[in-house]
Amino acid sequence: VQLLEADGLEQDVGETEDDESPEQRARRPMNAFLLFCKRHRSLVRQEHPKLDNRGATKILADWWAVLDPKEKQKYTDMAKEVGYKDK
């Protein structure tokens, strides 16, 4: 099975670079949207308990799309604090 990684490069599932285990690989810091999702996913789960993760993320994306720019900026600032660098 081929999956696309965040950088757009294909990688076989289970294949790691330099034989590192997933626990040893450094994770990228969360961006503003991911921080928003982390904070609000439980609300979506409360409102839609039978919804799968993909469906919950779609709802969160809709919420993010209509979020006030000042609120979005708060999450962007939080992302910068945790080390996320916007390209």
PDB file of N, CA and C in Angstrom:
ATOM      1  N   VAL A   1       0.851  -1.187   0.000  1.00  0.00           N
ATOM      2  CA  VAL A   1       0.000   0.000   0.000  1.00  0.00           C
ATOM      3  C   VAL A   1       0.883   1.232   0.000  1.00  0.00           C
ATOM      4  N   GLN A   2       0.584   2.169  -0.871  1.00  0.00           N
ATOM      5  CA  GLN A   2       1.344   3.415  -0.953  1.00  0.00           C
ATOM      6  C   GLN A   2       0.532   4.538  -0.326  1.00  0.00           C
ATOM      7  N   LEU A   3       1.139   5.303   0.550  1.00  0.00           N
ATOM      8  CA  LEU A   3       0.515   6.470   1.149  1.00  0.00           C
ATOM      9  C   LEU A   3       1.337   7.699   0.820  1.00  0.00           C
ATOM     10  N   LEU A   4       0.697   8.845   0.777  1.00  0.00           N
ATOM     11  CA  LEU A   4       1.428  10.089   0.589  1.00  0.00           C
ATOM     12  C   LEU A   4       1.746  10.668   1.946  1.00  0.00           C
ATOM     13  N   GLU A   5       2.971  11.017   2.157  1.00  0.00           N
ATOM     14  CA  GLU A   5       3.359  11.674   3.396  1.00  0.00           C
ATOM     15  C   GLU A   5       3.031  13.150   3.299  1.00  0.00           C
ATOM     16  N   ALA A   6       3.163  13.858   4.397  1.00  0.00           N
ATOM     17  CA  ALA A   6       2.820  15.275   4.435  1.00  0.00           C
ATOM     18  C   ALA A   6       3.608  16.079   3.414  1.00  0.00           C
ATOM     19  N   ASP A   7       4.836  15.647   3.106  1.00  0.00           N
ATOM     20  CA  ASP A   7       5.645  16.382   2.138  1.00  0.00           C
ATOM     21  C   ASP A   7       5.356  15.951   0.701  1.00  0.00           C
ATOM     22  N   GLY A   8       4.392  15.034   0.519  1.00  0.00           N
ATOM     23  CA  GLY A   8       3.974  14.626  -0.802  1.00  0.00           C
ATOM     24  C   GLY A   8       4.769  13.471  -1.389  1.00  0.00           C
ATOM     25  N   LEU A   9       5.735  12.940  -0.673  1.00  0.00           N
ATOM     26  CA  LEU A   9       6.531  11.829  -1.167  1.00  0.00           C
ATOM     27  C   LEU A   9       5.880  10.511  -0.782  1.00  0.00           C
ATOM     28  N   GLU A  10       5.933   9.546  -1.694  1.00  0.00           N
ATOM     29  CA  GLU A  10       5.357   8.248  -1.401  1.00  0.00           C
ATOM     30  C   GLU A  10       6.310   7.455  -0.518  1.00  0.00           C
ATOM     31  N   GLN A  11       5.700   6.624   0.341  1.00  0.00           N
ATOM     32  CA  GLN A  11       6.480   5.748   1.204  1.00  0.00           C
ATOM     33  C   GLN A  11       5.654   4.501   1.461  1.00  0.00           C
ATOM     34  N   ASP A  12       6.283   3.337   1.455  1.00  0.00           N
ATOM     35  CA  ASP A  12       5.570   2.110   1.770  1.00  0.00           C
ATOM     36  C   ASP A  12       5.131   2.138   3.220  1.00  0.00           C
ATOM     37  N   VAL A  13       3.929   1.611   3.476  1.00  0.00           N
ATOM     38  CA  VAL A  13       3.453   1.522   4.851  1.00  0.00           C
ATOM     39  C   VAL A  13       4.392   0.603   5.605  1.00  0.00           C
ATOM     40  N   GLY A  14       4.786   0.996   6.795  1.00  0.00           N
ATOM     41  CA  GLY A  14       5.693   0.202   7.607  1.00  0.00           C
ATOM     42  C   GLY A  14       7.156   0.478   7.325  1.00  0.00           C
ATOM     43  N   GLU A  15       7.452   1.192   6.270  1.00  0.00           N
ATOM     44  CA  GLU A  15       8.832   1.516   5.926  1.00  0.00           C
ATOM     45  C   GLU A  15       9.253   2.771   6.663  1.00  0.00           C
ATOM     46  N   THR A  16      10.400   2.740   7.302  1.00  0.00           N
ATOM     47  CA  THR A  16      10.898   3.915   8.002  1.00  0.00           C
ATOM     48  C   THR A  16      12.269   4.263   7.474  1.00  0.00           C
ATOM     49  N   GLU A  17      12.629   5.512   7.607  1.00  0.00           N
ATOM     50  CA  GLU A  17      13.943   5.949   7.171  1.00  0.00           C
ATOM     51  C   GLU A  17      14.993   5.511   8.185  1.00  0.00           C
ATOM     52  N   ASP A  18      16.118   5.041   7.709  1.00  0.00           N
ATOM     53  CA  ASP A  18      17.250   4.666   8.557  1.00  0.00           C
ATOM     54  C   ASP A  18      16.872   3.655   9.621  1.00  0.00           C
ATOM     55  N   ASP A  19      15.901   2.808   9.351  1.00  0.00           N
ATOM     56  CA  ASP A  19      15.480   1.747  10.265  1.00  0.00           C
ATOM     57  C   ASP A  19      15.105   2.263  11.646  1.00  0.00           C
ATOM     58  N   GLU A  20      14.597   3.477  11.743  1.00  0.00           N
ATOM     59  CA  GLU A  20      14.156   4.016  13.025  1.00  0.00           C
ATOM     60  C   GLU A  20      12.734   3.551  13.284  1.00  0.00           C
ATOM     61  N   SER A  21      12.431   3.265  14.536  1.00  0.00           N
ATOM     62  CA  SER A  21      11.062   2.920  14.882  1.00  0.00           C
ATOM     63  C   SER A  21      10.236   4.203  14.894  1.00  0.00           C
ATOM     64  N   PRO A  22       8.917   4.098  14.755  1.00  0.00           N
ATOM     65  CA  PRO A  22       8.081   5.308  14.766  1.00  0.00           C
ATOM     66  C   PRO A  22       8.251   6.125  16.041  1.00  0.00           C
ATOM     67  N   GLU A  23       8.525   5.469  17.153  1.00  0.00           N
ATOM     68  CA  GLU A  23       8.714   6.186  18.409  1.00  0.00           C
ATOM     69  C   GLU A  23       9.988   7.025  18.398  1.00  0.00           C
ATOM     70  N   GLN A  24      10.984   6.616  17.604  1.00  0.00           N
ATOM     71  CA  GLN A  24      12.254   7.320  17.573  1.00  0.00           C
ATOM     72  C   GLN A  24      12.241   8.503  16.611  1.00  0.00           C
ATOM     73  N   ARG A  25      11.339   8.494  15.632  1.00  0.00           N
ATOM     74  CA  ARG A  25      11.289   9.590  14.665  1.00  0.00           C
ATOM     75  C   ARG A  25      10.686  10.822  15.311  1.00  0.00           C
ATOM     76  N   ALA A  26      11.266  11.955  15.028  1.00  0.00           N
ATOM     77  CA  ALA A  26      10.755  13.216  15.574  1.00  0.00           C
ATOM     78  C   ALA A  26       9.478  13.583  14.839  1.00  0.00           C
ATOM     79  N   ARG A  27       8.474  13.984  15.606  1.00  0.00           N
ATOM     80  CA  ARG A  27       7.219  14.427  15.003  1.00  0.00           C
ATOM     81  C   ARG A  27       7.301  15.915  14.730  1.00  0.00           C
ATOM     82  N   ARG A  28       6.590  16.333  13.705  1.00  0.00           N
ATOM     83  CA  ARG A  28       6.524  17.756  13.397  1.00  0.00           C
ATOM     84  C   ARG A  28       5.598  18.434  14.402  1.00  0.00           C
ATOM     85  N   PRO A  29       5.889  19.664  14.742  1.00  0.00           N
ATOM     86  CA  PRO A  29       4.983  20.399  15.641  1.00  0.00           C
ATOM     87  C   PRO A  29       3.623  20.588  14.972  1.00  0.00           C
ATOM     88  N   MET A  30       2.588  20.692  15.787  1.00  0.00           N
ATOM     89  CA  MET A  30       1.247  20.873  15.258  1.00  0.00           C
ATOM     90  C   MET A  30       1.052  22.272  14.696  1.00  0.00           C
ATOM     91  N   ASN A  31       0.333  22.346  13.581  1.00  0.00           N
ATOM     92  CA  ASN A  31       0.000  23.646  13.013  1.00  0.00           C
ATOM     93  C   ASN A  31      -1.269  24.181  13.680  1.00  0.00           C
ATOM     94  N   ALA A  32      -1.688  25.372  13.285  1.00  0.00           N
ATOM     95  CA  ALA A  32      -2.832  26.036  13.921  1.00  0.00           C
ATOM     96  C   ALA A  32      -4.102  25.192  13.802  1.00  0.00           C
ATOM     97  N   PHE A  33      -4.360  24.624  12.637  1.00  0.00           N
ATOM     98  CA  PHE A  33      -5.568  23.819  12.462  1.00  0.00           C
ATOM     99  C   PHE A  33      -5.537  22.580  13.343  1.00  0.00           C
ATOM    100  N   LEU A  34      -4.402  21.927  13.445  1.00  0.00           N
ATOM    101  CA  LEU A  34      -4.321  20.734  14.289  1.00  0.00           C
ATOM    102  C   LEU A  34      -4.530  21.072  15.760  1.00  0.00           C
ATOM    103  N   LEU A  35      -4.017  22.208  16.198  1.00  0.00           N
ATOM    104  CA  LEU A  35      -4.260  22.642  17.572  1.00  0.00           C
ATOM    105  C   LEU A  35      -5.749  22.912  17.798  1.00  0.00           C
ATOM    106  N   PHE A  36      -6.389  23.541  16.823  1.00  0.00           N
ATOM    107  CA  PHE A  36      -7.827  23.782  16.883  1.00  0.00           C
ATOM    108  C   PHE A  36      -8.576  22.451  16.987  1.00  0.00           C
ATOM    109  N   CYS A  37      -8.198  21.493  16.156  1.00  0.00           N
ATOM    110  CA  CYS A  37      -8.845  20.179  16.170  1.00  0.00           C
ATOM    111  C   CYS A  37      -8.677  19.485  17.514  1.00  0.00           C
ATOM    112  N   LYS A  38      -7.478  19.536  18.048  1.00  0.00           N
ATOM    113  CA  LYS A  38      -7.215  18.894  19.324  1.00  0.00           C
ATOM    114  C   LYS A  38      -8.122  19.468  20.416  1.00  0.00           C
ATOM    115  N   ARG A  39      -8.329  20.761  20.373  1.00  0.00           N
ATOM    116  CA  ARG A  39      -9.136  21.428  21.387  1.00  0.00           C
ATOM    117  C   ARG A  39     -10.634  21.174  21.204  1.00  0.00           C
ATOM    118  N   HIS A  40     -11.089  21.003  19.967  1.00  0.00           N
ATOM    119  CA  HIS A  40     -12.523  20.933  19.702  1.00  0.00           C
ATOM    120  C   HIS A  40     -13.061  19.558  19.312  1.00  0.00           C
ATOM    121  N   ARG A  41     -12.196  18.581  19.106  1.00  0.00           N
ATOM    122  CA  ARG A  41     -12.655  17.255  18.676  1.00  0.00           C
ATOM    123  C   ARG A  41     -13.639  16.640  19.676  1.00  0.00           C
ATOM    124  N   SER A  42     -13.418  16.859  20.950  1.00  0.00           N
ATOM    125  CA  SER A  42     -14.324  16.277  21.953  1.00  0.00           C
ATOM    126  C   SER A  42     -15.740  16.848  21.812  1.00  0.00           C
ATOM    127  N   LEU A  43     -15.848  18.118  21.413  1.00  0.00           N
ATOM    128  CA  LEU A  43     -17.170  18.708  21.193  1.00  0.00           C
ATOM    129  C   LEU A  43     -17.880  18.027  20.028  1.00  0.00           C
ATOM    130  N   VAL A  44     -17.134  17.764  18.959  1.00  0.00           N
ATOM    131  CA  VAL A  44     -17.719  17.071  17.818  1.00  0.00           C
ATOM    132  C   VAL A  44     -18.157  15.672  18.239  1.00  0.00           C
ATOM    133  N   ARG A  45     -17.333  14.991  19.008  1.00  0.00           N
ATOM    134  CA  ARG A  45     -17.657  13.634  19.471  1.00  0.00           C
ATOM    135  C   ARG A  45     -18.909  13.633  20.341  1.00  0.00           C
ATOM    136  N   GLN A  46     -19.090  14.661  21.162  1.00  0.00           N
ATOM    137  CA  GLN A  46     -20.284  14.756  21.998  1.00  0.00           C
ATOM    138  C   GLN A  46     -21.532  14.929  21.144  1.00  0.00           C
ATOM    139  N   GLU A  47     -21.434  15.762  20.121  1.00  0.00           N
ATOM    140  CA  GLU A  47     -22.577  16.032  19.260  1.00  0.00           C
ATOM    141  C   GLU A  47     -22.855  14.898  18.274  1.00  0.00           C
ATOM    142  N   HIS A  48     -21.803  14.167  17.870  1.00  0.00           N
ATOM    143  CA  HIS A  48     -21.919  13.097  16.866  1.00  0.00           C
ATOM    144  C   HIS A  48     -21.146  11.870  17.346  1.00  0.00           C
ATOM    145  N   PRO A  49     -21.663  11.154  18.348  1.00  0.00           N
ATOM    146  CA  PRO A  49     -20.896  10.046  18.945  1.00  0.00           C
ATOM    147  C   PRO A  49     -20.598   8.886  18.004  1.00  0.00           C
ATOM    148  N   LYS A  50     -21.371   8.704  16.953  1.00  0.00           N
ATOM    149  CA  LYS A  50     -21.149   7.573  16.042  1.00  0.00           C
ATOM    150  C   LYS A  50     -20.318   7.948  14.816  1.00  0.00           C
ATOM    151  N   LEU A  51     -19.892   9.184  14.751  1.00  0.00           N
ATOM    152  CA  LEU A  51     -19.138   9.667  13.597  1.00  0.00           C
ATOM    153  C   LEU A  51     -17.704   9.149  13.643  1.00  0.00           C
ATOM    154  N   ASP A  52     -17.188   8.735  12.484  1.00  0.00           N
ATOM    155  CA  ASP A  52     -15.800   8.280  12.432  1.00  0.00           C
ATOM    156  C   ASP A  52     -14.854   9.485  12.443  1.00  0.00           C
ATOM    157  N   ASN A  53     -13.568   9.224  12.582  1.00  0.00           N
ATOM    158  CA  ASN A  53     -12.574  10.283  12.703  1.00  0.00           C
ATOM    159  C   ASN A  53     -12.552  11.182  11.462  1.00  0.00           C
ATOM    160  N   ARG A  54     -12.702  10.593  10.304  1.00  0.00           N
ATOM    161  CA  ARG A  54     -12.696  11.383   9.062  1.00  0.00           C
ATOM    162  C   ARG A  54     -13.865  12.363   9.040  1.00  0.00           C
ATOM    163  N   GLY A  55     -15.032  11.889   9.431  1.00  0.00           N
ATOM    164  CA  GLY A  55     -16.206  12.747   9.484  1.00  0.00           C
ATOM    165  C   GLY A  55     -16.048  13.865  10.496  1.00  0.00           C
ATOM    166  N   ALA A  56     -15.450  13.529  11.642  1.00  0.00           N
ATOM    167  CA  ALA A  56     -15.213  14.538  12.676  1.00  0.00           C
ATOM    168  C   ALA A  56     -14.258  15.609  12.150  1.00  0.00           C
ATOM    169  N   THR A  57     -13.247  15.200  11.427  1.00  0.00           N
ATOM    170  CA  THR A  57     -12.282  16.150  10.877  1.00  0.00           C
ATOM    171  C   THR A  57     -12.944  17.051   9.841  1.00  0.00           C
ATOM    172  N   LYS A  58     -13.872  16.514   9.069  1.00  0.00           N
ATOM    173  CA  LYS A  58     -14.588  17.332   8.091  1.00  0.00           C
ATOM    174  C   LYS A  58     -15.400  18.420   8.797  1.00  0.00           C
ATOM    175  N   ILE A  59     -16.052  18.056   9.889  1.00  0.00           N
ATOM    176  CA  ILE A  59     -16.818  19.054  10.655  1.00  0.00           C
ATOM    177  C   ILE A  59     -15.875  20.100  11.225  1.00  0.00           C
ATOM    178  N   LEU A  60     -14.755  19.656  11.768  1.00  0.00           N
ATOM    179  CA  LEU A  60     -13.772  20.598  12.305  1.00  0.00           C
ATOM    180  C   LEU A  60     -13.242  21.525  11.215  1.00  0.00           C
ATOM    181  N   ALA A  61     -13.050  21.000  10.024  1.00  0.00           N
ATOM    182  CA  ALA A  61     -12.587  21.837   8.905  1.00  0.00           C
ATOM    183  C   ALA A  61     -13.636  22.891   8.551  1.00  0.00           C
ATOM    184  N   ASP A  62     -14.907  22.511   8.615  1.00  0.00           N
ATOM    185  CA  ASP A  62     -15.976  23.487   8.356  1.00  0.00           C
ATOM    186  C   ASP A  62     -15.980  24.571   9.426  1.00  0.00           C
ATOM    187  N   TRP A  63     -15.805  24.170  10.678  1.00  0.00           N
ATOM    188  CA  TRP A  63     -15.754  25.141  11.771  1.00  0.00           C
ATOM    189  C   TRP A  63     -14.570  26.077  11.585  1.00  0.00           C
ATOM    190  N   TRP A  64     -13.427  25.511  11.207  1.00  0.00           N
ATOM    191  CA  TRP A  64     -12.205  26.302  10.997  1.00  0.00           C
ATOM    192  C   TRP A  64     -12.414  27.318   9.865  1.00  0.00           C
ATOM    193  N   ALA A  65     -13.115  26.904   8.824  1.00  0.00           N
ATOM    194  CA  ALA A  65     -13.324  27.768   7.665  1.00  0.00           C
ATOM    195  C   ALA A  65     -14.124  29.021   8.008  1.00  0.00           C
ATOM    196  N   VAL A  66     -15.018  28.929   8.972  1.00  0.00           N
ATOM    197  CA  VAL A  66     -15.848  30.085   9.325  1.00  0.00           C
ATOM    198  C   VAL A  66     -15.391  30.761  10.623  1.00  0.00           C
ATOM    199  N   LEU A  67     -14.283  30.282  11.173  1.00  0.00           N
ATOM    200  CA  LEU A  67     -13.772  30.846  12.420  1.00  0.00           C
ATOM    201  C   LEU A  67     -13.309  32.290  12.205  1.00  0.00           C
ATOM    202  N   ASP A  68     -13.606  33.131  13.163  1.00  0.00           N
ATOM    203  CA  ASP A  68     -13.195  34.534  13.110  1.00  0.00           C
ATOM    204  C   ASP A  68     -11.671  34.622  12.958  1.00  0.00           C
ATOM    205  N   PRO A  69     -11.184  35.492  12.087  1.00  0.00           N
ATOM    206  CA  PRO A  69      -9.731  35.616  11.883  1.00  0.00           C
ATOM    207  C   PRO A  69      -8.952  35.889  13.176  1.00  0.00           C
ATOM    208  N   LYS A  70      -9.541  36.618  14.104  1.00  0.00           N
ATOM    209  CA  LYS A  70      -8.849  36.877  15.375  1.00  0.00           C
ATOM    210  C   LYS A  70      -8.675  35.589  16.169  1.00  0.00           C
ATOM    211  N   GLU A  71      -9.688  34.711  16.117  1.00  0.00           N
ATOM    212  CA  GLU A  71      -9.579  33.421  16.799  1.00  0.00           C
ATOM    213  C   GLU A  71      -8.545  32.544  16.106  1.00  0.00           C
ATOM    214  N   LYS A  72      -8.536  32.557  14.776  1.00  0.00           N
ATOM    215  CA  LYS A  72      -7.536  31.784  14.028  1.00  0.00           C
ATOM    216  C   LYS A  72      -6.134  32.248  14.395  1.00  0.00           C
ATOM    217  N   GLN A  73      -5.973  33.555  14.565  1.00  0.00           N
ATOM    218  CA  GLN A  73      -4.655  34.096  14.899  1.00  0.00           C
ATOM    219  C   GLN A  73      -4.171  33.554  16.236  1.00  0.00           C
ATOM    220  N   LYS A  74      -5.075  33.347  17.167  1.00  0.00           N
ATOM    221  CA  LYS A  74      -4.697  32.779  18.468  1.00  0.00           C
ATOM    222  C   LYS A  74      -4.075  31.394  18.280  1.00  0.00           C
ATOM    223  N   TYR A  75      -4.684  30.594  17.422  1.00  0.00           N
ATOM    224  CA  TYR A  75      -4.150  29.251  17.165  1.00  0.00           C
ATOM    225  C   TYR A  75      -2.836  29.319  16.387  1.00  0.00           C
ATOM    226  N   THR A  76      -2.727  30.276  15.486  1.00  0.00           N
ATOM    227  CA  THR A  76      -1.478  30.464  14.749  1.00  0.00           C
ATOM    228  C   THR A  76      -0.356  30.846  15.712  1.00  0.00           C
ATOM    229  N   ASP A  77      -0.663  31.719  16.655  1.00  0.00           N
ATOM    230  CA  ASP A  77       0.329  32.109  17.655  1.00  0.00           C
ATOM    231  C   ASP A  77       0.727  30.924  18.524  1.00  0.00           C
ATOM    232  N   MET A  78      -0.259  30.109  18.904  1.00  0.00           N
ATOM    233  CA  MET A  78       0.047  28.914  19.703  1.00  0.00           C
ATOM    234  C   MET A  78       0.947  27.966  18.924  1.00  0.00           C
ATOM    235  N   ALA A  79       0.682  27.810  17.625  1.00  0.00           N
ATOM    236  CA  ALA A  79       1.496  26.928  16.795  1.00  0.00           C
ATOM    237  C   ALA A  79       2.933  27.419  16.727  1.00  0.00           C
ATOM    238  N   LYS A  80       3.109  28.734  16.642  1.00  0.00           N
ATOM    239  CA  LYS A  80       4.463  29.288  16.617  1.00  0.00           C
ATOM    240  C   LYS A  80       5.172  29.023  17.945  1.00  0.00           C
ATOM    241  N   GLU A  81       4.425  29.060  19.041  1.00  0.00           N
ATOM    242  CA  GLU A  81       5.020  28.802  20.364  1.00  0.00           C
ATOM    243  C   GLU A  81       5.532  27.361  20.464  1.00  0.00           C
ATOM    244  N   VAL A  82       4.829  26.416  19.835  1.00  0.00           N
ATOM    245  CA  VAL A  82       5.250  25.022  19.923  1.00  0.00           C
ATOM    246  C   VAL A  82       6.250  24.646  18.834  1.00  0.00           C
ATOM    247  N   GLY A  83       6.631  25.639  18.020  1.00  0.00           N
ATOM    248  CA  GLY A  83       7.708  25.401  17.060  1.00  0.00           C
ATOM    249  C   GLY A  83       7.279  25.161  15.638  1.00  0.00           C
ATOM    250  N   TYR A  84       6.002  25.353  15.306  1.00  0.00           N
ATOM    251  CA  TYR A  84       5.585  25.183  13.915  1.00  0.00           C
ATOM    252  C   TYR A  84       6.032  26.384  13.098  1.00  0.00           C
ATOM    253  N   LYS A  85       6.642  26.091  11.931  1.00  0.00           N
ATOM    254  CA  LYS A  85       7.097  27.160  11.048  1.00  0.00           C
ATOM    255  C   LYS A  85       6.282  27.108   9.775  1.00  0.00           C
ATOM    256  N   ASP A  86       5.560  28.171   9.496  1.00  0.00           N
ATOM    257  CA  ASP A  86       4.760  28.255   8.273  1.00  0.00           C
ATOM    258  C   ASP A  86       5.691  28.480   7.102  1.00  0.00           C
ATOM    259  N   LYS A  87       5.497  27.734   6.005  1.00  0.00           N
ATOM    260  CA  LYS A  87       6.387  27.848   4.839  1.00  0.00           C
ATOM    261  C   LYS A  87       6.084  29.052   4.030  1.00  0.00           C
TER     262      LYS A  87
END
